[in-house]
Structure formats: C-alpha cells, structure tokens
C-alpha cells in the first residue's frame, strides 16, 4: 500500500486507513465478532492507521481496538483518537485538567502508555484561537501522554486556523466527491505547513457507495435516520450535509464513470486518494468484506483527468449551490 507521511509526527501510514466510529455506535449494531473481523481484514490488507474517539460507543470503539492491539502487538499500527465531546460544548471545558482526564481514559481503553495522536473532536470555533488550549496540548506531549495532537474540524476556516498552529500535526476534515471546498485552500495550506490531512466521511455516509435508492431505510440507532437535519450533531456529518435525494441524483450521474473493474465506492475513495495533500483517508466498514474492498483502492490506478473533471462538473451543477458556502 502507498505510504504517506505525517511530517510533524514523523510517521508513515498506509494511504487507506480505517474509521472506527461504526465499531462503537451510531451506525446500527456491529457485534464484537464483526468488529474484530473488520480490524483483522483491514490490517491484513495493509491498513496501518486506525481512527477512533472516546465517545464512539462511550469508549467501546477504543476498547475493541485496544483488544486488537493486545492480540497483535507487532502490527505496526498508528491509532488516532479524539477527545472533547463527552462534555457540553463550551470553550471553558477545554482545560489541561480535562485533557489529562480524557487522555488517561483513552490510554486505559486502548492499553497505550503514550497515545499516537489525539485530536480535538470538532470543538467550538473559539477553541481554535485560544493559546491556552494549545499550550495544554503541548504539556500533554511533554508528559508523554501522547506523541502528537491534531484537530478534527467542521469548517475550512477552522482548518486554516489550526494549520497555522506550529504544534498541530494533523487536520481531519470531510472530503469527498460531494464536498470539494477543502481543495481550494485547506489542502494546499496543510501541504505547505507539513500538516497531515485525514480525510473523513469519504463516502458521504454511504451515499457514494451507489447501494442506496429512494426506498432505502436505516435503523433507528443509525445517524442516517436521526441526524438528517442536524438533530443530534452537525448535519454535515450525515451524507456530508447533502439532501439524500439530491445525493442520489449526483451518484447516478457518476455511476457511468465507474466501469467494470471497480465499484462506485472504490471510485469515490480513489477520488479522495488522488487529491494532492491527502495523507490518509478513513472509510468505515461494518464487515470484513467492506474493509478489504476499501483497502484494495490503494492498488487501483488513479482517476483520469476526464474522470476528475466529470466529478467536478457534477459537484458544480448539483451540489455546490447547496453546501459549498456552509462548511
């Protein structure tokens, strides 16, 4: 698998990682056996980067990854977790004392003395401009609670503010064929600064898999049922903030580009991999087969210039007027 570098961490990772939100919660039920099967299949296919958070299943995702790490101590994995969403979202909650408590809990869940990468989990905008927050993060690095830190963001403006911070190792941002705005300023700024880009929601919550239609339903405990209008958290996290029916129309326009040797999901993932400045893309997977097919994207040929242009055309015509200025 193609290896890319987190320059400020001094770590190389496979360009296809694994997002582990679904191993904890909010995507319907994933059994422990299925979760371990996903992790095993991903790692056997060359995945070396796992992304989780302390709120995914209130620690369940971290704990499952911790169990996998104990069983595979020589797997050579980089594990990124997140913190900050276990309390009301006020800037005052982002303190050194809370950071110590949150990272200690994640260290216990993951069975790691020093966490590889800890990301602020889409905090309030004011946090990005608070020097005390980043001084506290530097303290946790000095205390060896973590090797480095980054931020997960909702907006491009938040990402640009974070990239300007000298200690920020990574920015995690939504990037997919229905969310192109980060290409304009965020990815070039990150590349110039040596900041890694973790591309999340690469399949727009499954919309870009090509498996859904107007009759598709989701389980009540799946965020694609209960957060379509931002009822629980930022609506941009669900279908990238794109209206479901509009997203289906966009996917139908893209399907003829896919061809016989790849799936729609693989086409969409390869689009992300091909964007200059992307360090790792983190699709989720609910079963071992999905994990293997996602990892295989690293071995596919890059999209052609014509295919890239077609993605841009669909975005400009259908999606840009609805979402581009929101995030």
C-alpha atoms as a PDB file:
ATOM      1  CA  UNK A   1       0.000   0.000   0.000  1.00  0.00           C
ATOM      2  CA  UNK A   2       1.191   3.516  -0.813  1.00  0.00           C
ATOM      3  CA  UNK A   3       2.719   5.103   2.305  1.00  0.00           C
ATOM      4  CA  UNK A   4       2.302   8.783   3.140  1.00  0.00           C
ATOM      5  CA  UNK A   5       3.897  10.819   5.896  1.00  0.00           C
ATOM      6  CA  UNK A   6       2.635  12.754   8.896  1.00  0.00           C
ATOM      7  CA  UNK A   7       5.628  15.062   8.868  1.00  0.00           C
ATOM      8  CA  UNK A   8       5.082  16.583  12.307  1.00  0.00           C
ATOM      9  CA  UNK A   9       4.646  13.123  13.831  1.00  0.00           C
ATOM     10  CA  UNK A  10       7.490  11.521  11.922  1.00  0.00           C
ATOM     11  CA  UNK A  11       5.226   8.596  10.988  1.00  0.00           C
ATOM     12  CA  UNK A  12       4.364   6.919   7.705  1.00  0.00           C
ATOM     13  CA  UNK A  13       0.933   5.339   7.271  1.00  0.00           C
ATOM     14  CA  UNK A  14      -0.900   3.495   4.523  1.00  0.00           C
ATOM     15  CA  UNK A  15      -2.995   5.897   2.461  1.00  0.00           C
ATOM     16  CA  UNK A  16      -6.158   3.878   3.187  1.00  0.00           C
ATOM     17  CA  UNK A  17      -6.953   3.786   6.886  1.00  0.00           C
ATOM     18  CA  UNK A  18      -9.982   2.635   8.842  1.00  0.00           C
ATOM     19  CA  UNK A  19     -12.538   4.849  10.532  1.00  0.00           C
ATOM     20  CA  UNK A  20     -13.869   3.105  13.644  1.00  0.00           C
ATOM     21  CA  UNK A  21     -16.962   5.158  14.529  1.00  0.00           C
ATOM     22  CA  UNK A  22     -19.180   2.254  13.459  1.00  0.00           C
ATOM     23  CA  UNK A  23     -17.408  -0.104  15.884  1.00  0.00           C
ATOM     24  CA  UNK A  24     -18.793   1.947  18.748  1.00  0.00           C
ATOM     25  CA  UNK A  25     -22.189   3.342  17.847  1.00  0.00           C
ATOM     26  CA  UNK A  26     -24.416   5.392  15.525  1.00  0.00           C
ATOM     27  CA  UNK A  27     -24.367   3.058  12.500  1.00  0.00           C
ATOM     28  CA  UNK A  28     -26.650   0.311  13.791  1.00  0.00           C
ATOM     29  CA  UNK A  29     -25.383  -2.700  15.699  1.00  0.00           C
ATOM     30  CA  UNK A  30     -21.913  -4.090  14.988  1.00  0.00           C
ATOM     31  CA  UNK A  31     -21.133  -7.176  17.078  1.00  0.00           C
ATOM     32  CA  UNK A  32     -17.762  -7.679  18.761  1.00  0.00           C
ATOM     33  CA  UNK A  33     -17.005 -10.567  16.424  1.00  0.00           C
ATOM     34  CA  UNK A  34     -17.789  -8.426  13.387  1.00  0.00           C
ATOM     35  CA  UNK A  35     -15.707  -5.579  14.795  1.00  0.00           C
ATOM     36  CA  UNK A  36     -12.694  -7.823  15.269  1.00  0.00           C
ATOM     37  CA  UNK A  37     -13.247  -9.228  11.791  1.00  0.00           C
ATOM     38  CA  UNK A  38     -13.199  -5.711  10.329  1.00  0.00           C
ATOM     39  CA  UNK A  39      -9.977  -4.843  12.140  1.00  0.00           C
ATOM     40  CA  UNK A  40      -8.316  -8.097  11.110  1.00  0.00           C
ATOM     41  CA  UNK A  41      -9.317  -7.793   7.461  1.00  0.00           C
ATOM     42  CA  UNK A  42      -8.202  -4.163   7.273  1.00  0.00           C
ATOM     43  CA  UNK A  43      -4.784  -4.808   8.788  1.00  0.00           C
ATOM     44  CA  UNK A  44      -4.216  -7.930   6.692  1.00  0.00           C
ATOM     45  CA  UNK A  45      -4.947  -5.795   3.607  1.00  0.00           C
ATOM     46  CA  UNK A  46      -2.268  -3.259   4.547  1.00  0.00           C
ATOM     47  CA  UNK A  47      -4.129  -0.715   6.681  1.00  0.00           C
ATOM     48  CA  UNK A  48      -1.846   0.808   9.329  1.00  0.00           C
ATOM     49  CA  UNK A  49      -3.932   3.798  10.504  1.00  0.00           C
ATOM     50  CA  UNK A  50      -6.998   3.473  12.736  1.00  0.00           C
ATOM     51  CA  UNK A  51      -9.175   6.440  13.718  1.00  0.00           C
ATOM     52  CA  UNK A  52     -11.458   6.324  16.745  1.00  0.00           C
ATOM     53  CA  UNK A  53     -12.792   8.600  19.513  1.00  0.00           C
ATOM     54  CA  UNK A  54     -13.595   8.401  23.193  1.00  0.00           C
ATOM     55  CA  UNK A  55     -17.318   8.969  22.507  1.00  0.00           C
ATOM     56  CA  UNK A  56     -17.783   6.198  19.950  1.00  0.00           C
ATOM     57  CA  UNK A  57     -19.963   3.890  21.987  1.00  0.00           C
ATOM     58  CA  UNK A  58     -18.747   5.713  25.128  1.00  0.00           C
ATOM     59  CA  UNK A  59     -15.365   4.033  24.743  1.00  0.00           C
ATOM     60  CA  UNK A  60     -16.444   0.778  23.074  1.00  0.00           C
ATOM     61  CA  UNK A  61     -14.596   1.526  19.845  1.00  0.00           C
ATOM     62  CA  UNK A  62     -11.389   2.339  21.723  1.00  0.00           C
ATOM     63  CA  UNK A  63     -11.732  -0.778  23.852  1.00  0.00           C
ATOM     64  CA  UNK A  64     -12.187  -3.037  20.828  1.00  0.00           C
ATOM     65  CA  UNK A  65      -9.127  -1.522  19.181  1.00  0.00           C
ATOM     66  CA  UNK A  66      -7.239  -1.951  22.443  1.00  0.00           C
ATOM     67  CA  UNK A  67      -8.142  -5.634  22.468  1.00  0.00           C
ATOM     68  CA  UNK A  68      -6.923  -5.950  18.879  1.00  0.00           C
ATOM     69  CA  UNK A  69      -3.648  -4.216  19.767  1.00  0.00           C
ATOM     70  CA  UNK A  70      -3.065  -6.635  22.641  1.00  0.00           C
ATOM     71  CA  UNK A  71      -3.635  -9.578  20.299  1.00  0.00           C
ATOM     72  CA  UNK A  72      -1.410  -8.070  17.556  1.00  0.00           C
ATOM     73  CA  UNK A  73       1.422  -6.259  19.357  1.00  0.00           C
ATOM     74  CA  UNK A  74       3.659  -6.210  16.276  1.00  0.00           C
ATOM     75  CA  UNK A  75       1.087  -4.924  13.776  1.00  0.00           C
ATOM     76  CA  UNK A  76       2.841  -1.555  13.408  1.00  0.00           C
ATOM     77  CA  UNK A  77      -0.343   0.475  13.713  1.00  0.00           C
ATOM     78  CA  UNK A  78      -0.859   4.176  14.292  1.00  0.00           C
ATOM     79  CA  UNK A  79      -4.023   4.823  16.323  1.00  0.00           C
ATOM     80  CA  UNK A  80      -5.611   8.248  16.364  1.00  0.00           C
ATOM     81  CA  UNK A  81      -8.311   9.009  18.897  1.00  0.00           C
ATOM     82  CA  UNK A  82     -10.286  12.155  19.710  1.00  0.00           C
ATOM     83  CA  UNK A  83     -11.432  13.982  22.823  1.00  0.00           C
ATOM     84  CA  UNK A  84     -13.750  16.772  23.842  1.00  0.00           C
ATOM     85  CA  UNK A  85     -17.277  15.605  23.034  1.00  0.00           C
ATOM     86  CA  UNK A  86     -18.039  13.963  26.371  1.00  0.00           C
ATOM     87  CA  UNK A  87     -18.977  17.317  27.938  1.00  0.00           C
ATOM     88  CA  UNK A  88     -21.200  20.245  26.951  1.00  0.00           C
ATOM     89  CA  UNK A  89     -19.594  22.091  24.060  1.00  0.00           C
ATOM     90  CA  UNK A  90     -18.354  25.267  25.714  1.00  0.00           C
ATOM     91  CA  UNK A  91     -14.823  26.641  25.272  1.00  0.00           C
ATOM     92  CA  UNK A  92     -14.380  26.628  29.056  1.00  0.00           C
ATOM     93  CA  UNK A  93     -14.374  22.805  29.052  1.00  0.00           C
ATOM     94  CA  UNK A  94     -11.109  22.661  27.081  1.00  0.00           C
ATOM     95  CA  UNK A  95      -8.712  22.721  30.035  1.00  0.00           C
ATOM     96  CA  UNK A  96      -5.488  20.942  30.911  1.00  0.00           C
ATOM     97  CA  UNK A  97      -7.208  19.091  33.755  1.00  0.00           C
ATOM     98  CA  UNK A  98      -9.916  17.777  31.449  1.00  0.00           C
ATOM     99  CA  UNK A  99      -7.358  16.886  28.790  1.00  0.00           C
ATOM    100  CA  UNK A 100      -5.420  14.831  31.312  1.00  0.00           C
ATOM    101  CA  UNK A 101      -8.563  13.027  32.450  1.00  0.00           C
ATOM    102  CA  UNK A 102      -9.789  12.366  28.919  1.00  0.00           C
ATOM    103  CA  UNK A 103      -6.456  11.112  27.631  1.00  0.00           C
ATOM    104  CA  UNK A 104      -5.964   8.923  30.698  1.00  0.00           C
ATOM    105  CA  UNK A 105      -9.309   7.286  29.958  1.00  0.00           C
ATOM    106  CA  UNK A 106      -8.339   6.719  26.322  1.00  0.00           C
ATOM    107  CA  UNK A 107      -4.942   5.362  27.357  1.00  0.00           C
ATOM    108  CA  UNK A 108      -6.708   2.820  29.557  1.00  0.00           C
ATOM    109  CA  UNK A 109      -9.246   1.911  26.855  1.00  0.00           C
ATOM    110  CA  UNK A 110      -6.540   1.439  24.229  1.00  0.00           C
ATOM    111  CA  UNK A 111      -3.935  -0.070  26.540  1.00  0.00           C
ATOM    112  CA  UNK A 112      -1.344   2.502  25.435  1.00  0.00           C
ATOM    113  CA  UNK A 113       1.021   4.421  27.713  1.00  0.00           C
ATOM    114  CA  UNK A 114       1.530   7.105  25.061  1.00  0.00           C
ATOM    115  CA  UNK A 115      -1.262   7.747  22.582  1.00  0.00           C
ATOM    116  CA  UNK A 116      -0.065   8.094  18.983  1.00  0.00           C
ATOM    117  CA  UNK A 117      -2.301  11.012  18.028  1.00  0.00           C
ATOM    118  CA  UNK A 118      -5.068  12.813  19.920  1.00  0.00           C
ATOM    119  CA  UNK A 119      -7.433  15.127  18.063  1.00  0.00           C
ATOM    120  CA  UNK A 120      -9.739  17.763  19.449  1.00  0.00           C
ATOM    121  CA  UNK A 121     -13.130  16.470  18.344  1.00  0.00           C
ATOM    122  CA  UNK A 122     -14.807  19.269  16.378  1.00  0.00           C
ATOM    123  CA  UNK A 123     -14.633  21.763  19.247  1.00  0.00           C
ATOM    124  CA  UNK A 124     -16.353  25.169  19.361  1.00  0.00           C
ATOM    125  CA  UNK A 125     -14.816  27.654  16.950  1.00  0.00           C
ATOM    126  CA  UNK A 126     -13.446  29.810  19.776  1.00  0.00           C
ATOM    127  CA  UNK A 127     -11.189  26.953  20.879  1.00  0.00           C
ATOM    128  CA  UNK A 128      -9.085  27.202  17.726  1.00  0.00           C
ATOM    129  CA  UNK A 129      -7.956  30.732  18.659  1.00  0.00           C
ATOM    130  CA  UNK A 130      -7.233  30.004  22.335  1.00  0.00           C
ATOM    131  CA  UNK A 131      -3.482  29.873  23.056  1.00  0.00           C
ATOM    132  CA  UNK A 132      -4.114  28.205  26.432  1.00  0.00           C
ATOM    133  CA  UNK A 133      -5.698  25.205  24.721  1.00  0.00           C
ATOM    134  CA  UNK A 134      -2.650  24.562  22.580  1.00  0.00           C
ATOM    135  CA  UNK A 135      -0.276  25.217  25.487  1.00  0.00           C
ATOM    136  CA  UNK A 136      -2.166  22.497  27.359  1.00  0.00           C
ATOM    137  CA  UNK A 137      -1.822  20.114  24.410  1.00  0.00           C
ATOM    138  CA  UNK A 138       1.912  20.813  24.303  1.00  0.00           C
ATOM    139  CA  UNK A 139       2.040  19.945  28.004  1.00  0.00           C
ATOM    140  CA  UNK A 140       0.428  16.553  27.342  1.00  0.00           C
ATOM    141  CA  UNK A 141       3.064  15.835  24.708  1.00  0.00           C
ATOM    142  CA  UNK A 142       5.803  16.801  27.182  1.00  0.00           C
ATOM    143  CA  UNK A 143       4.182  14.489  29.758  1.00  0.00           C
ATOM    144  CA  UNK A 144       4.233  11.673  27.171  1.00  0.00           C
ATOM    145  CA  UNK A 145       0.503  11.134  27.436  1.00  0.00           C
ATOM    146  CA  UNK A 146       0.507  11.492  23.668  1.00  0.00           C
ATOM    147  CA  UNK A 147       3.070  11.685  20.891  1.00  0.00           C
ATOM    148  CA  UNK A 148       1.272  14.423  18.983  1.00  0.00           C
ATOM    149  CA  UNK A 149      -2.028  16.207  18.541  1.00  0.00           C
ATOM    150  CA  UNK A 150      -4.344  17.378  15.824  1.00  0.00           C
ATOM    151  CA  UNK A 151      -7.835  18.697  15.299  1.00  0.00           C
ATOM    152  CA  UNK A 152     -10.981  17.389  13.703  1.00  0.00           C
ATOM    153  CA  UNK A 153     -12.934  20.257  12.149  1.00  0.00           C
ATOM    154  CA  UNK A 154     -16.286  21.038  10.616  1.00  0.00           C
ATOM    155  CA  UNK A 155     -15.300  24.069   8.520  1.00  0.00           C
ATOM    156  CA  UNK A 156     -12.476  25.111   6.247  1.00  0.00           C
ATOM    157  CA  UNK A 157     -11.947  28.286   8.287  1.00  0.00           C
ATOM    158  CA  UNK A 158     -11.375  26.190  11.421  1.00  0.00           C
ATOM    159  CA  UNK A 159      -8.903  24.042   9.500  1.00  0.00           C
ATOM    160  CA  UNK A 160      -6.917  27.044   8.295  1.00  0.00           C
ATOM    161  CA  UNK A 161      -6.708  28.469  11.825  1.00  0.00           C
ATOM    162  CA  UNK A 162      -5.441  25.124  13.118  1.00  0.00           C
ATOM    163  CA  UNK A 163      -2.884  24.684  10.338  1.00  0.00           C
ATOM    164  CA  UNK A 164      -1.265  27.951  11.416  1.00  0.00           C
ATOM    165  CA  UNK A 165      -0.509  26.446  14.855  1.00  0.00           C
ATOM    166  CA  UNK A 166       3.080  25.137  14.921  1.00  0.00           C
ATOM    167  CA  UNK A 167       2.267  22.111  17.085  1.00  0.00           C
ATOM    168  CA  UNK A 168      -0.694  20.800  15.109  1.00  0.00           C
ATOM    169  CA  UNK A 169       0.288  17.549  13.392  1.00  0.00           C
ATOM    170  CA  UNK A 170      -2.963  16.812  11.576  1.00  0.00           C
ATOM    171  CA  UNK A 171      -6.305  18.169  10.472  1.00  0.00           C
ATOM    172  CA  UNK A 172      -9.222  15.823   9.984  1.00  0.00           C
ATOM    173  CA  UNK A 173     -11.834  17.184   7.592  1.00  0.00           C
ATOM    174  CA  UNK A 174     -14.746  15.945   5.488  1.00  0.00           C
ATOM    175  CA  UNK A 175     -13.565  15.446   1.917  1.00  0.00           C
ATOM    176  CA  UNK A 176     -15.371  13.530  -0.783  1.00  0.00           C
ATOM    177  CA  UNK A 177     -16.842  13.925  -4.269  1.00  0.00           C
ATOM    178  CA  UNK A 178     -19.772  15.807  -2.703  1.00  0.00           C
ATOM    179  CA  UNK A 179     -17.570  18.070  -0.531  1.00  0.00           C
ATOM    180  CA  UNK A 180     -14.872  19.776  -2.617  1.00  0.00           C
ATOM    181  CA  UNK A 181     -14.307  23.030  -0.746  1.00  0.00           C
ATOM    182  CA  UNK A 182     -11.190  21.801   1.166  1.00  0.00           C
ATOM    183  CA  UNK A 183      -9.371  21.504  -2.169  1.00  0.00           C
ATOM    184  CA  UNK A 184      -9.326  25.272  -2.589  1.00  0.00           C
ATOM    185  CA  UNK A 185      -7.281  26.420   0.406  1.00  0.00           C
ATOM    186  CA  UNK A 186      -7.083  23.788   3.144  1.00  0.00           C
ATOM    187  CA  UNK A 187      -5.127  21.060   1.359  1.00  0.00           C
ATOM    188  CA  UNK A 188      -2.574  23.463  -0.165  1.00  0.00           C
ATOM    189  CA  UNK A 189      -2.061  25.211   3.202  1.00  0.00           C
ATOM    190  CA  UNK A 190      -1.616  21.899   5.016  1.00  0.00           C
ATOM    191  CA  UNK A 191       0.898  20.652   2.461  1.00  0.00           C
ATOM    192  CA  UNK A 192       2.910  23.872   2.707  1.00  0.00           C
ATOM    193  CA  UNK A 193       2.976  23.654   6.520  1.00  0.00           C
ATOM    194  CA  UNK A 194       3.728  19.927   6.749  1.00  0.00           C
ATOM    195  CA  UNK A 195       0.372  19.200   8.412  1.00  0.00           C
ATOM    196  CA  UNK A 196      -1.234  15.846   7.701  1.00  0.00           C
ATOM    197  CA  UNK A 197      -4.737  15.666   6.234  1.00  0.00           C
ATOM    198  CA  UNK A 198      -7.064  12.910   7.457  1.00  0.00           C
ATOM    199  CA  UNK A 199      -9.993  12.735   5.026  1.00  0.00           C
ATOM    200  CA  UNK A 200     -13.156  11.584   6.759  1.00  0.00           C
ATOM    201  CA  UNK A 201     -16.683  10.755   5.521  1.00  0.00           C
ATOM    202  CA  UNK A 202     -15.150   9.813   2.138  1.00  0.00           C
ATOM    203  CA  UNK A 203     -18.295   8.011   1.003  1.00  0.00           C
ATOM    204  CA  UNK A 204     -20.717  10.675   2.291  1.00  0.00           C
ATOM    205  CA  UNK A 205     -22.179   8.274   4.880  1.00  0.00           C
ATOM    206  CA  UNK A 206     -22.568   5.603   2.220  1.00  0.00           C
ATOM    207  CA  UNK A 207     -24.272   7.768  -0.411  1.00  0.00           C
ATOM    208  CA  UNK A 208     -21.248   7.378  -2.674  1.00  0.00           C
ATOM    209  CA  UNK A 209     -21.330   3.599  -2.363  1.00  0.00           C
ATOM    210  CA  UNK A 210     -24.044   3.511  -5.006  1.00  0.00           C
ATOM    211  CA  UNK A 211     -26.020   0.989  -2.978  1.00  0.00           C
ATOM    212  CA  UNK A 212     -28.894   3.254  -1.899  1.00  0.00           C
ATOM    213  CA  UNK A 213     -32.067   4.466  -3.564  1.00  0.00           C
ATOM    214  CA  UNK A 214     -35.223   6.357  -2.592  1.00  0.00           C
ATOM    215  CA  UNK A 215     -36.554   3.288  -0.797  1.00  0.00           C
ATOM    216  CA  UNK A 216     -33.514   2.713   1.436  1.00  0.00           C
ATOM    217  CA  UNK A 217     -34.165   2.873   5.183  1.00  0.00           C
ATOM    218  CA  UNK A 218     -31.740   2.878   8.097  1.00  0.00           C
ATOM    219  CA  UNK A 219     -32.010   1.552  11.648  1.00  0.00           C
ATOM    220  CA  UNK A 220     -33.373   3.947  14.283  1.00  0.00           C
ATOM    221  CA  UNK A 221     -29.975   3.984  16.060  1.00  0.00           C
ATOM    222  CA  UNK A 222     -28.187   4.920  12.812  1.00  0.00           C
ATOM    223  CA  UNK A 223     -27.358   8.623  12.469  1.00  0.00           C
ATOM    224  CA  UNK A 224     -28.570   8.442   8.873  1.00  0.00           C
ATOM    225  CA  UNK A 225     -32.048   8.122  10.402  1.00  0.00           C
ATOM    226  CA  UNK A 226     -31.876  10.515  13.332  1.00  0.00           C
ATOM    227  CA  UNK A 227     -29.486  13.261  12.187  1.00  0.00           C
ATOM    228  CA  UNK A 228     -30.594  14.063   8.651  1.00  0.00           C
ATOM    229  CA  UNK A 229     -31.371  17.629   9.650  1.00  0.00           C
ATOM    230  CA  UNK A 230     -28.719  18.048  12.327  1.00  0.00           C
ATOM    231  CA  UNK A 231     -30.897  16.981  15.236  1.00  0.00           C
ATOM    232  CA  UNK A 232     -28.003  15.389  17.186  1.00  0.00           C
ATOM    233  CA  UNK A 233     -24.805  16.974  15.815  1.00  0.00           C
ATOM    234  CA  UNK A 234     -23.594  18.925  12.801  1.00  0.00           C
ATOM    235  CA  UNK A 235     -25.687  17.916   9.794  1.00  0.00           C
ATOM    236  CA  UNK A 236     -22.536  17.969   7.669  1.00  0.00           C
ATOM    237  CA  UNK A 237     -21.524  14.660   9.275  1.00  0.00           C
ATOM    238  CA  UNK A 238     -24.563  12.901   7.771  1.00  0.00           C
ATOM    239  CA  UNK A 239     -24.477  12.499   3.981  1.00  0.00           C
ATOM    240  CA  UNK A 240     -21.985  15.408   4.029  1.00  0.00           C
ATOM    241  CA  UNK A 241     -24.933  17.725   4.598  1.00  0.00           C
ATOM    242  CA  UNK A 242     -26.351  16.902   1.162  1.00  0.00           C
ATOM    243  CA  UNK A 243     -30.063  16.232   0.803  1.00  0.00           C
ATOM    244  CA  UNK A 244     -30.455  12.468   0.396  1.00  0.00           C
ATOM    245  CA  UNK A 245     -32.448  12.598  -2.854  1.00  0.00           C
ATOM    246  CA  UNK A 246     -30.090  15.169  -4.358  1.00  0.00           C
ATOM    247  CA  UNK A 247     -27.157  12.964  -3.407  1.00  0.00           C
ATOM    248  CA  UNK A 248     -28.773  10.014  -5.144  1.00  0.00           C
ATOM    249  CA  UNK A 249     -29.111  12.102  -8.309  1.00  0.00           C
ATOM    250  CA  UNK A 250     -25.438  13.048  -8.144  1.00  0.00           C
ATOM    251  CA  UNK A 251     -24.389   9.419  -7.702  1.00  0.00           C
ATOM    252  CA  UNK A 252     -26.490   8.328 -10.672  1.00  0.00           C
ATOM    253  CA  UNK A 253     -24.566  10.842 -12.789  1.00  0.00           C
ATOM    254  CA  UNK A 254     -21.261   9.423 -11.556  1.00  0.00           C
ATOM    255  CA  UNK A 255     -22.067   5.707 -11.931  1.00  0.00           C
ATOM    256  CA  UNK A 256     -21.340   5.566 -15.693  1.00  0.00           C
ATOM    257  CA  UNK A 257     -17.750   6.573 -14.931  1.00  0.00           C
ATOM    258  CA  UNK A 258     -17.069   3.579 -12.684  1.00  0.00           C
ATOM    259  CA  UNK A 259     -16.515   0.792 -15.223  1.00  0.00           C
ATOM    260  CA  UNK A 260     -16.427  -2.951 -14.674  1.00  0.00           C
ATOM    261  CA  UNK A 261     -13.227  -3.281 -12.652  1.00  0.00           C
ATOM    262  CA  UNK A 262     -14.159  -1.206  -9.610  1.00  0.00           C
ATOM    263  CA  UNK A 263     -17.211  -0.411  -7.514  1.00  0.00           C
ATOM    264  CA  UNK A 264     -18.793   3.001  -7.069  1.00  0.00           C
ATOM    265  CA  UNK A 265     -17.379   3.092  -3.534  1.00  0.00           C
ATOM    266  CA  UNK A 266     -13.894   2.329  -4.838  1.00  0.00           C
ATOM    267  CA  UNK A 267     -14.213   5.050  -7.478  1.00  0.00           C
ATOM    268  CA  UNK A 268     -15.216   7.545  -4.774  1.00  0.00           C
ATOM    269  CA  UNK A 269     -12.386   6.503  -2.450  1.00  0.00           C
ATOM    270  CA  UNK A 270      -9.843   6.670  -5.258  1.00  0.00           C
ATOM    271  CA  UNK A 271     -11.004  10.221  -5.972  1.00  0.00           C
ATOM    272  CA  UNK A 272     -10.029  11.167  -2.405  1.00  0.00           C
ATOM    273  CA  UNK A 273      -6.682   9.334  -2.554  1.00  0.00           C
ATOM    274  CA  UNK A 274      -5.796  11.229  -5.736  1.00  0.00           C
ATOM    275  CA  UNK A 275      -6.188  14.691  -4.194  1.00  0.00           C
ATOM    276  CA  UNK A 276      -2.781  16.330  -3.563  1.00  0.00           C
ATOM    277  CA  UNK A 277      -2.164  16.833   0.140  1.00  0.00           C
ATOM    278  CA  UNK A 278      -4.261  13.923   1.469  1.00  0.00           C
ATOM    279  CA  UNK A 279      -2.275  11.845   3.954  1.00  0.00           C
ATOM    280  CA  UNK A 280      -4.833   9.152   4.760  1.00  0.00           C
ATOM    281  CA  UNK A 281      -8.498   8.525   4.023  1.00  0.00           C
ATOM    282  CA  UNK A 282     -10.566   6.748   6.687  1.00  0.00           C
ATOM    283  CA  UNK A 283     -13.599   4.899   5.321  1.00  0.00           C
ATOM    284  CA  UNK A 284     -15.569   2.894   7.811  1.00  0.00           C
ATOM    285  CA  UNK A 285     -16.534  -0.745   7.359  1.00  0.00           C
ATOM    286  CA  UNK A 286     -19.213  -2.864   9.006  1.00  0.00           C
ATOM    287  CA  UNK A 287     -17.835  -6.212   7.855  1.00  0.00           C
ATOM    288  CA  UNK A 288     -14.573  -7.769   6.737  1.00  0.00           C
ATOM    289  CA  UNK A 289     -15.524  -7.724   3.062  1.00  0.00           C
ATOM    290  CA  UNK A 290     -16.050  -3.963   3.075  1.00  0.00           C
ATOM    291  CA  UNK A 291     -12.734  -3.445   4.856  1.00  0.00           C
ATOM    292  CA  UNK A 292     -10.886  -5.488   2.242  1.00  0.00           C
ATOM    293  CA  UNK A 293     -12.548  -3.775  -0.715  1.00  0.00           C
ATOM    294  CA  UNK A 294     -11.752  -0.357   0.739  1.00  0.00           C
ATOM    295  CA  UNK A 295      -8.094  -1.218   1.284  1.00  0.00           C
ATOM    296  CA  UNK A 296      -7.827  -2.521  -2.293  1.00  0.00           C
ATOM    297  CA  UNK A 297      -8.394   1.024  -3.558  1.00  0.00           C
ATOM    298  CA  UNK A 298      -4.743   1.784  -2.795  1.00  0.00           C
ATOM    299  CA  UNK A 299      -3.779  -0.542  -5.638  1.00  0.00           C
ATOM    300  CA  UNK A 300      -6.139   0.921  -8.237  1.00  0.00           C
ATOM    301  CA  UNK A 301      -4.988   3.268 -10.975  1.00  0.00           C
ATOM    302  CA  UNK A 302      -5.538   6.987 -10.353  1.00  0.00           C
ATOM    303  CA  UNK A 303      -8.625   8.563 -11.896  1.00  0.00           C
ATOM    304  CA  UNK A 304      -8.088  10.072 -15.320  1.00  0.00           C
ATOM    305  CA  UNK A 305      -8.228  13.806 -15.943  1.00  0.00           C
ATOM    306  CA  UNK A 306     -11.575  13.290 -17.670  1.00  0.00           C
ATOM    307  CA  UNK A 307     -12.969  11.422 -14.660  1.00  0.00           C
ATOM    308  CA  UNK A 308     -11.736  14.118 -12.295  1.00  0.00           C
ATOM    309  CA  UNK A 309     -13.379  16.750 -14.490  1.00  0.00           C
ATOM    310  CA  UNK A 310     -16.652  14.827 -14.509  1.00  0.00           C
ATOM    311  CA  UNK A 311     -16.721  14.721 -10.694  1.00  0.00           C
ATOM    312  CA  UNK A 312     -16.145  18.468 -10.629  1.00  0.00           C
ATOM    313  CA  UNK A 313     -18.939  19.043 -13.159  1.00  0.00           C
ATOM    314  CA  UNK A 314     -21.476  17.073 -11.133  1.00  0.00           C
ATOM    315  CA  UNK A 315     -20.431  18.914  -7.989  1.00  0.00           C
ATOM    316  CA  UNK A 316     -20.618  22.333  -9.599  1.00  0.00           C
ATOM    317  CA  UNK A 317     -24.027  21.725 -11.134  1.00  0.00           C
ATOM    318  CA  UNK A 318     -25.828  19.893  -8.327  1.00  0.00           C
ATOM    319  CA  UNK A 319     -24.001  20.207  -5.017  1.00  0.00           C
ATOM    320  CA  UNK A 320     -22.070  23.472  -4.907  1.00  0.00           C
ATOM    321  CA  UNK A 321     -25.158  25.742  -4.743  1.00  0.00           C
ATOM    322  CA  UNK A 322     -26.476  23.805  -1.715  1.00  0.00           C
ATOM    323  CA  UNK A 323     -23.457  23.153   0.516  1.00  0.00           C
ATOM    324  CA  UNK A 324     -20.267  24.874  -0.646  1.00  0.00           C
ATOM    325  CA  UNK A 325     -20.561  28.001   1.477  1.00  0.00           C
ATOM    326  CA  UNK A 326     -21.819  26.214   4.599  1.00  0.00           C
ATOM    327  CA  UNK A 327     -18.583  24.484   5.623  1.00  0.00           C
END
